[in-house]
């Protein structure tokens, strides 16, 4: 396929993405979390290093991470469902609100400047970091997820934020379910079901949102780098077991603290880029 750029430039792009994919896989394996929260900052730094235009850099990082999430989140969901660890009734209840949120998030991505996506990461990434660093399993709001329509409103918000951050919504769904007395195992299994319904329409939305935008690197469709997704999927899958092996024997609380500090560092990085670049 001819991308209209020198082979040397294409090789640098692929090499940088492969390295970013390996780093992502290692951190995912080490911290035991979904890759979206790690892929976006890694991709952002890769696209910065190869000189992608700042006006599309953040959008491209989020859209490409959503592309990587499509196969990985579906695989995760099928594995959890096969073990009976998902609440399919809750997934069915929140299916439409989540899709509405994804659609709204895609429209926001199309009309927003790069700093808007960074602010979403700063605010909601900061909340995730605080939850990881200071949260307690004993926190409860009730013994069962309520039937109130506020749960559906919350799901719309999860769809919006997850699309604009390129995360599977797991952190927010797990937080809700555990606050209402569900086990962490069921919360993790159920949250995996929201990954595909966010990733697939989300990646289509980012392709649409970035269609015809100038400054995109070769091999991109809208705000999705096909080269980036193709390089990161196998690289991250290959290296993830190394991180998981290192994580063996480390307490869950230690891993939560590690992930909280990682996300906190990303938040500071994006704040710096907002105010000083």
Protein backbone atom coordinates (compact mmCIF):
# COMPACT_ATOMS: atom_id res chain seq x y z
CA UNK A 1 0.00 0.00 0.00
CA UNK A 2 1.35 3.40 -0.97
CA UNK A 3 0.92 5.97 1.81
CA UNK A 4 2.56 8.73 -0.20
CA UNK A 5 5.51 9.18 2.19
CA UNK A 6 9.13 7.99 2.15
CA UNK A 7 9.71 4.45 3.41
CA UNK A 8 12.12 5.77 6.04
CA UNK A 9 9.43 8.02 7.55
CA UNK A 10 6.95 5.15 7.56
CA UNK A 11 9.51 2.91 9.26
CA UNK A 12 10.05 5.48 12.03
CA UNK A 13 6.28 5.67 12.59
CA UNK A 14 5.88 1.88 12.77
CA UNK A 15 8.95 1.48 15.00
CA UNK A 16 7.72 4.12 17.44
CA UNK A 17 4.27 2.54 17.56
CA UNK A 18 5.70 -0.93 18.16
CA UNK A 19 7.74 0.44 21.07
CA UNK A 20 4.64 2.20 22.40
CA UNK A 21 2.64 -1.01 22.06
CA UNK A 22 5.23 -2.98 24.03
CA UNK A 23 5.24 -0.35 26.79
CA UNK A 24 1.44 -0.43 26.88
CA UNK A 25 1.35 -4.23 27.07
CA UNK A 26 3.91 -4.29 29.86
CA UNK A 27 2.01 -1.71 31.94
CA UNK A 28 -1.35 -3.43 31.30
CA UNK A 29 0.12 -6.73 32.45
CA UNK A 30 1.80 -5.15 35.45
CA UNK A 31 -1.14 -3.07 36.65
CA UNK A 32 -3.95 -5.41 35.65
CA UNK A 33 -6.15 -2.69 34.12
CA UNK A 34 -7.73 -2.07 30.75
CA UNK A 35 -5.38 -0.67 28.16
CA UNK A 36 -7.28 2.51 27.24
CA UNK A 37 -6.10 4.42 30.27
CA UNK A 38 -2.52 3.57 29.31
CA UNK A 39 -2.72 3.63 25.51
CA UNK A 40 -3.85 7.25 25.20
CA UNK A 41 -0.88 8.81 27.03
CA UNK A 42 1.54 6.39 25.35
CA UNK A 43 0.14 7.15 21.89
CA UNK A 44 0.15 10.87 22.65
CA UNK A 45 3.86 10.74 23.44
CA UNK A 46 4.59 8.61 20.35
CA UNK A 47 2.71 11.04 18.10
CA UNK A 48 4.53 13.93 19.78
CA UNK A 49 7.91 12.28 19.17
CA UNK A 50 7.25 11.78 15.45
CA UNK A 51 5.97 15.33 14.97
CA UNK A 52 2.22 14.85 14.46
CA UNK A 53 0.46 18.22 14.31
CA UNK A 54 -0.62 19.28 17.84
CA UNK A 55 -4.05 20.26 16.49
CA UNK A 56 -4.90 16.57 15.84
CA UNK A 57 -2.48 14.78 18.19
CA UNK A 58 -4.83 14.24 21.16
CA UNK A 59 -7.80 13.30 18.99
CA UNK A 60 -5.63 10.82 17.07
CA UNK A 61 -4.36 9.23 20.29
CA UNK A 62 -7.89 8.73 21.61
CA UNK A 63 -9.30 7.45 18.31
CA UNK A 64 -6.44 5.01 17.73
CA UNK A 65 -6.73 3.68 21.28
CA UNK A 66 -10.43 3.04 20.64
CA UNK A 67 -9.44 1.07 17.52
CA UNK A 68 -7.11 -1.13 19.57
CA UNK A 69 -9.86 -1.61 22.16
CA UNK A 70 -12.32 -3.15 19.67
CA UNK A 71 -10.79 -6.68 19.49
CA UNK A 72 -9.24 -6.67 22.95
CA UNK A 73 -12.41 -5.57 24.78
CA UNK A 74 -14.56 -8.09 22.87
CA UNK A 75 -12.15 -10.88 23.76
CA UNK A 76 -12.22 -9.86 27.42
CA UNK A 77 -16.03 -9.76 27.48
CA UNK A 78 -16.38 -13.22 25.94
CA UNK A 79 -13.92 -14.67 28.47
CA UNK A 80 -15.79 -13.18 31.44
CA UNK A 81 -19.18 -14.18 30.05
CA UNK A 82 -17.97 -17.73 29.51
CA UNK A 83 -17.17 -17.94 33.21
CA UNK A 84 -20.58 -16.59 34.24
CA UNK A 85 -19.10 -13.46 35.75
CA UNK A 86 -21.33 -10.87 34.09
CA UNK A 87 -24.68 -9.33 35.03
CA UNK A 88 -26.33 -9.47 31.61
CA UNK A 89 -29.51 -7.84 32.95
CA UNK A 90 -27.58 -4.71 33.94
CA UNK A 91 -25.74 -4.70 30.60
CA UNK A 92 -29.07 -4.88 28.77
CA UNK A 93 -30.54 -2.13 30.92
CA UNK A 94 -27.70 0.29 30.23
CA UNK A 95 -27.04 -0.64 26.57
CA UNK A 96 -29.04 2.22 25.00
CA UNK A 97 -27.90 4.93 27.47
CA UNK A 98 -24.27 3.94 26.88
CA UNK A 99 -24.72 4.17 23.08
CA UNK A 100 -26.36 7.59 23.45
CA UNK A 101 -23.34 8.72 25.46
CA UNK A 102 -20.93 7.40 22.82
CA UNK A 103 -22.80 9.30 20.08
CA UNK A 104 -22.69 12.52 22.11
CA UNK A 105 -18.98 11.97 22.82
CA UNK A 106 -18.25 11.56 19.10
CA UNK A 107 -20.00 14.84 18.30
CA UNK A 108 -18.05 16.59 21.08
CA UNK A 109 -14.82 15.17 19.62
CA UNK A 110 -15.66 16.57 16.18
CA UNK A 111 -16.35 20.11 17.34
CA UNK A 112 -13.87 20.44 20.21
CA UNK A 113 -10.28 21.74 20.18
CA UNK A 114 -7.47 19.46 21.43
CA UNK A 115 -7.42 20.99 24.91
CA UNK A 116 -11.03 19.87 25.50
CA UNK A 117 -10.01 16.21 25.37
CA UNK A 118 -7.04 16.96 27.60
CA UNK A 119 -9.36 18.59 30.16
CA UNK A 120 -11.56 15.49 30.14
CA UNK A 121 -8.46 13.47 30.94
CA UNK A 122 -7.37 15.90 33.65
CA UNK A 123 -10.75 15.96 35.43
CA UNK A 124 -11.89 12.35 35.12
CA UNK A 125 -8.40 10.86 35.12
CA UNK A 126 -7.81 12.79 38.32
CA UNK A 127 -10.96 11.26 39.84
CA UNK A 128 -9.80 7.77 38.87
CA UNK A 129 -6.37 8.43 40.39
CA UNK A 130 -7.92 9.69 43.63
CA UNK A 131 -10.20 6.64 43.79
CA UNK A 132 -7.21 4.32 43.31
CA UNK A 133 -5.02 6.14 45.83
CA UNK A 134 -7.55 6.83 48.59
CA UNK A 135 -10.59 4.59 47.92
CA UNK A 136 -11.73 1.92 50.37
CA UNK A 137 -13.60 -1.31 49.62
CA UNK A 138 -15.81 -0.62 52.64
CA UNK A 139 -17.43 2.41 50.96
CA UNK A 140 -21.13 1.69 50.23
CA UNK A 141 -24.15 3.61 48.94
CA UNK A 142 -26.54 0.68 49.22
CA UNK A 143 -26.99 -3.06 48.87
CA UNK A 144 -28.34 -3.15 45.29
CA UNK A 145 -28.12 -1.02 42.13
CA UNK A 146 -31.28 1.15 42.33
CA UNK A 147 -33.99 1.21 39.66
CA UNK A 148 -33.89 5.00 39.60
CA UNK A 149 -33.50 6.66 36.19
CA UNK A 150 -30.40 8.37 37.56
CA UNK A 151 -28.54 5.13 36.84
CA UNK A 152 -29.37 5.53 33.13
CA UNK A 153 -28.25 9.17 33.26
CA UNK A 154 -25.01 8.01 34.86
CA UNK A 155 -24.58 5.49 32.01
CA UNK A 156 -24.95 8.27 29.41
CA UNK A 157 -22.20 10.16 31.22
CA UNK A 158 -20.03 7.03 31.27
CA UNK A 159 -20.49 6.69 27.50
CA UNK A 160 -19.49 10.31 26.88
CA UNK A 161 -16.45 10.32 29.15
CA UNK A 162 -15.27 6.85 28.11
CA UNK A 163 -15.40 7.79 24.42
CA UNK A 164 -13.49 11.03 24.93
CA UNK A 165 -10.88 9.29 27.11
CA UNK A 166 -10.83 6.02 25.12
CA UNK A 167 -11.44 3.82 28.13
CA UNK A 168 -13.90 0.95 28.31
CA UNK A 169 -15.92 2.52 31.08
CA UNK A 170 -14.72 -0.16 33.46
CA UNK A 171 -13.44 2.15 36.17
CA UNK A 172 -16.80 3.93 36.40
CA UNK A 173 -18.98 0.82 36.14
CA UNK A 174 -16.86 -1.03 38.72
CA UNK A 175 -17.05 1.95 41.06
CA UNK A 176 -20.85 2.09 40.78
CA UNK A 177 -21.38 -1.64 41.26
CA UNK A 178 -19.04 -2.00 44.22
CA UNK A 179 -20.58 1.06 45.91
CA UNK A 180 -23.89 -0.81 45.67
CA UNK A 181 -22.65 -4.01 47.24
CA UNK A 182 -21.64 -6.11 44.22
CA UNK A 183 -18.49 -8.21 44.45
CA UNK A 184 -15.40 -6.93 42.68
CA UNK A 185 -15.36 -10.11 40.56
CA UNK A 186 -18.87 -9.52 39.22
CA UNK A 187 -18.19 -5.81 38.81
CA UNK A 188 -15.08 -6.49 36.70
CA UNK A 189 -16.89 -9.14 34.63
CA UNK A 190 -19.90 -6.91 34.00
CA UNK A 191 -17.80 -3.85 33.18
CA UNK A 192 -16.07 -5.87 30.44
CA UNK A 193 -19.39 -6.02 28.62
CA UNK A 194 -19.44 -2.25 28.15
CA UNK A 195 -16.03 -2.18 26.44
CA UNK A 196 -17.18 -3.40 22.99
CA UNK A 197 -20.30 -1.22 22.99
CA UNK A 198 -18.11 1.83 23.65
CA UNK A 199 -15.12 0.91 21.47
CA UNK A 200 -16.85 -0.08 18.19
CA UNK A 201 -19.23 2.88 17.77
CA UNK A 202 -16.57 5.10 19.32
CA UNK A 203 -13.95 4.26 16.71
CA UNK A 204 -16.51 4.79 13.93
CA UNK A 205 -17.39 8.14 15.48
CA UNK A 206 -13.74 9.24 15.61
CA UNK A 207 -13.24 8.20 11.97
CA UNK A 208 -16.20 10.40 11.08
CA UNK A 209 -15.12 13.24 13.35
CA UNK A 210 -11.66 13.46 11.78
CA UNK A 211 -12.59 12.82 8.16
CA UNK A 212 -10.63 15.18 5.91
CA UNK A 213 -8.70 16.83 8.75
CA UNK A 214 -5.27 18.15 7.72
CA UNK A 215 -2.09 17.15 9.55
CA UNK A 216 -2.92 13.47 10.05
CA UNK A 217 -0.08 10.94 9.67
CA UNK A 218 -0.06 8.39 6.82
CA UNK A 219 -2.41 5.42 7.11
CA UNK A 220 -5.09 7.29 9.06
CA UNK A 221 -8.85 7.25 8.58
CA UNK A 222 -10.14 10.29 10.37
CA UNK A 223 -8.79 10.36 13.91
CA UNK A 224 -7.79 6.67 13.79
CA UNK A 225 -4.30 5.57 12.77
CA UNK A 226 -4.68 2.15 11.15
CA UNK A 227 -0.91 1.70 11.28
CA UNK A 228 -0.98 2.56 14.98
CA UNK A 229 -3.72 0.07 15.77
CA UNK A 230 -2.12 -2.67 13.67
CA UNK A 231 1.25 -2.16 15.38
CA UNK A 232 -0.02 -1.82 18.94
CA UNK A 233 -2.38 -4.80 19.08
CA UNK A 234 0.21 -7.59 18.56
CA UNK A 235 2.98 -5.72 20.38
CA UNK A 236 0.90 -5.18 23.49
CA UNK A 237 -0.42 -8.76 23.49
CA UNK A 238 3.13 -10.11 23.14
CA UNK A 239 4.62 -8.16 26.06
CA UNK A 240 1.66 -8.18 28.48
CA UNK A 241 2.65 -11.56 30.03
CA UNK A 242 5.99 -10.08 31.08
CA UNK A 243 4.26 -7.40 33.11
CA UNK A 244 1.83 -9.95 34.53
CA UNK A 245 4.74 -12.15 35.60
CA UNK A 246 6.32 -9.21 37.43
CA UNK A 247 3.01 -8.41 39.08
CA UNK A 248 2.66 -11.95 40.48
CA UNK A 249 2.93 -11.82 44.24
CA UNK A 250 2.42 -8.05 44.46
CA UNK A 251 -0.59 -7.10 46.55
CA UNK A 252 -3.67 -5.71 44.85
CA UNK A 253 -3.37 -2.53 46.93
CA UNK A 254 0.18 -1.99 45.70
CA UNK A 255 -1.01 -2.30 42.11
CA UNK A 256 -3.85 0.14 42.76
CA UNK A 257 -1.35 2.64 44.15
CA UNK A 258 0.93 2.12 41.15
CA UNK A 259 -1.92 2.73 38.70
CA UNK A 260 -3.10 5.75 40.71
CA UNK A 261 0.36 7.30 40.55
CA UNK A 262 0.61 6.51 36.82
CA UNK A 263 -2.70 8.20 36.01
CA UNK A 264 -1.76 11.11 38.28
CA UNK A 265 1.45 11.57 36.29
CA UNK A 266 -0.52 11.58 33.04
CA UNK A 267 -2.88 14.21 34.45
CA UNK A 268 0.06 16.45 35.36
CA UNK A 269 1.57 15.91 31.88
CA UNK A 270 -1.65 17.01 30.17
CA UNK A 271 -2.02 20.01 32.49
CA UNK A 272 1.51 21.07 31.55
CA UNK A 273 0.74 20.74 27.83
CA UNK A 274 -2.45 22.81 28.23
CA UNK A 275 -0.75 25.74 29.93
CA UNK A 276 2.80 25.69 28.58
CA UNK A 277 2.64 24.39 25.00
